[in-house]
Amino acid sequence: MSVKEDIHSQILGGLANAIFPIKTPEELLAAFPAGADTKCKSGDCEVTAGQY
């Protein structure tokens, strides 16, 4: 699995319990388990939901 696919899978998992529709970026970040601090990691690549 590529880094992109791995991170994508983690994002989908993190949003599994989200209530849609999500209308704003702030609502999207709040939907993650640890909010903007939710981390996704693949190999040496690590990003947080609020990083971008």
N, C-alpha and C. Protein backbone atom coordinates (compact mmCIF):
# COMPACT_ATOMS: atom_id res chain seq x y z
N MET A 1 0.85 -1.17 0.00
CA MET A 1 0.00 0.00 0.00
C MET A 1 0.90 1.24 0.00
N SER A 2 0.56 2.22 -0.81
CA SER A 2 1.34 3.45 -0.88
C SER A 2 1.06 4.33 0.35
N VAL A 3 1.92 5.30 0.58
CA VAL A 3 1.72 6.24 1.69
C VAL A 3 0.38 6.94 1.53
N LYS A 4 0.08 7.37 0.31
CA LYS A 4 -1.18 8.07 0.04
C LYS A 4 -2.38 7.19 0.39
N GLU A 5 -2.35 5.95 -0.03
CA GLU A 5 -3.46 5.03 0.25
C GLU A 5 -3.57 4.75 1.75
N ASP A 6 -2.44 4.62 2.41
CA ASP A 6 -2.42 4.35 3.84
C ASP A 6 -3.01 5.52 4.62
N ILE A 7 -2.58 6.74 4.32
CA ILE A 7 -3.11 7.93 4.99
C ILE A 7 -4.59 8.09 4.70
N HIS A 8 -4.97 7.87 3.45
CA HIS A 8 -6.39 7.98 3.06
C HIS A 8 -7.24 7.02 3.88
N SER A 9 -6.78 5.80 4.02
CA SER A 9 -7.49 4.80 4.81
C SER A 9 -7.64 5.24 6.26
N GLN A 10 -6.59 5.83 6.82
CA GLN A 10 -6.65 6.30 8.20
C GLN A 10 -7.63 7.46 8.36
N ILE A 11 -7.68 8.34 7.36
CA ILE A 11 -8.63 9.46 7.40
C ILE A 11 -10.06 8.92 7.37
N LEU A 12 -10.32 7.97 6.48
CA LEU A 12 -11.66 7.39 6.42
C LEU A 12 -12.04 6.73 7.74
N GLY A 13 -11.10 6.02 8.34
CA GLY A 13 -11.35 5.40 9.63
C GLY A 13 -11.62 6.43 10.72
N GLY A 14 -10.88 7.53 10.68
CA GLY A 14 -11.06 8.58 11.67
C GLY A 14 -12.40 9.27 11.56
N LEU A 15 -12.98 9.26 10.37
CA LEU A 15 -14.27 9.92 10.15
C LEU A 15 -15.44 8.93 10.16
N ALA A 16 -15.19 7.70 10.54
CA ALA A 16 -16.23 6.67 10.49
C ALA A 16 -17.45 7.03 11.34
N ASN A 17 -17.26 7.72 12.43
CA ASN A 17 -18.39 8.07 13.30
C ASN A 17 -18.87 9.50 13.12
N ALA A 18 -18.37 10.17 12.09
CA ALA A 18 -18.77 11.56 11.83
C ALA A 18 -20.22 11.62 11.37
N ILE A 19 -20.85 12.72 11.69
CA ILE A 19 -22.23 12.96 11.25
C ILE A 19 -22.17 13.90 10.04
N PHE A 20 -22.67 13.40 8.92
CA PHE A 20 -22.65 14.17 7.68
C PHE A 20 -24.03 14.73 7.41
N PRO A 21 -24.16 15.85 6.71
CA PRO A 21 -23.10 16.54 5.98
C PRO A 21 -22.24 17.40 6.91
N ILE A 22 -20.99 17.50 6.56
CA ILE A 22 -20.05 18.39 7.23
C ILE A 22 -19.92 19.61 6.32
N LYS A 23 -20.22 20.78 6.86
CA LYS A 23 -20.34 21.97 6.01
C LYS A 23 -19.13 22.90 6.05
N THR A 24 -18.32 22.83 7.09
CA THR A 24 -17.21 23.77 7.19
C THR A 24 -15.91 23.03 7.54
N PRO A 25 -14.78 23.63 7.27
CA PRO A 25 -13.51 23.01 7.67
C PRO A 25 -13.43 22.79 9.18
N GLU A 26 -14.01 23.70 9.95
CA GLU A 26 -13.99 23.56 11.40
C GLU A 26 -14.79 22.33 11.85
N GLU A 27 -15.94 22.10 11.21
CA GLU A 27 -16.74 20.90 11.52
C GLU A 27 -15.98 19.64 11.14
N LEU A 28 -15.25 19.68 10.03
CA LEU A 28 -14.46 18.53 9.60
C LEU A 28 -13.39 18.20 10.63
N LEU A 29 -12.65 19.18 11.08
CA LEU A 29 -11.62 18.93 12.09
C LEU A 29 -12.23 18.41 13.38
N ALA A 30 -13.35 18.96 13.78
CA ALA A 30 -14.02 18.53 15.01
C ALA A 30 -14.52 17.09 14.92
N ALA A 31 -14.74 16.58 13.71
CA ALA A 31 -15.25 15.23 13.52
C ALA A 31 -14.20 14.15 13.76
N PHE A 32 -12.92 14.52 13.71
CA PHE A 32 -11.86 13.55 13.97
C PHE A 32 -11.79 13.24 15.46
N PRO A 33 -11.37 12.03 15.82
CA PRO A 33 -11.34 11.61 17.23
C PRO A 33 -10.59 12.57 18.16
N ALA A 34 -9.46 13.10 17.73
CA ALA A 34 -8.69 14.04 18.57
C ALA A 34 -8.68 15.43 17.93
N GLY A 35 -9.72 15.72 17.16
CA GLY A 35 -9.80 17.02 16.51
C GLY A 35 -8.63 17.26 15.58
N ALA A 36 -8.14 18.49 15.57
CA ALA A 36 -7.04 18.87 14.69
C ALA A 36 -5.74 18.15 15.03
N ASP A 37 -5.65 17.59 16.23
CA ASP A 37 -4.44 16.88 16.65
C ASP A 37 -4.42 15.41 16.26
N THR A 38 -5.46 14.93 15.59
CA THR A 38 -5.50 13.55 15.13
C THR A 38 -4.33 13.30 14.19
N LYS A 39 -3.56 12.25 14.45
CA LYS A 39 -2.37 11.95 13.65
C LYS A 39 -2.62 10.77 12.72
N CYS A 40 -2.08 10.89 11.52
CA CYS A 40 -2.03 9.80 10.56
C CYS A 40 -0.56 9.58 10.26
N LYS A 41 -0.16 8.31 10.22
CA LYS A 41 1.25 8.00 10.01
C LYS A 41 1.38 6.82 9.05
N SER A 42 2.36 6.95 8.15
CA SER A 42 2.69 5.87 7.24
C SER A 42 4.19 5.93 7.02
N GLY A 43 4.90 4.90 7.47
CA GLY A 43 6.35 4.90 7.36
C GLY A 43 6.93 6.08 8.12
N ASP A 44 7.72 6.89 7.46
CA ASP A 44 8.33 8.07 8.07
C ASP A 44 7.46 9.31 7.94
N CYS A 45 6.34 9.21 7.28
CA CYS A 45 5.45 10.36 7.04
C CYS A 45 4.40 10.42 8.15
N GLU A 46 4.33 11.56 8.83
CA GLU A 46 3.31 11.76 9.86
C GLU A 46 2.70 13.14 9.69
N VAL A 47 1.37 13.20 9.65
CA VAL A 47 0.66 14.46 9.53
C VAL A 47 -0.47 14.50 10.54
N THR A 48 -0.89 15.71 10.90
CA THR A 48 -2.06 15.86 11.75
C THR A 48 -3.20 16.39 10.91
N ALA A 49 -4.41 16.19 11.37
CA ALA A 49 -5.58 16.65 10.62
C ALA A 49 -5.56 18.17 10.43
N GLY A 50 -5.06 18.90 11.40
CA GLY A 50 -5.04 20.35 11.32
C GLY A 50 -3.83 20.93 10.62
N GLN A 51 -2.94 20.09 10.17
CA GLN A 51 -1.70 20.56 9.58
C GLN A 51 -1.94 21.28 8.25
N TYR A 52 -2.91 20.89 7.50
CA TYR A 52 -3.13 21.47 6.18
C TYR A 52 -4.44 22.09 6.13
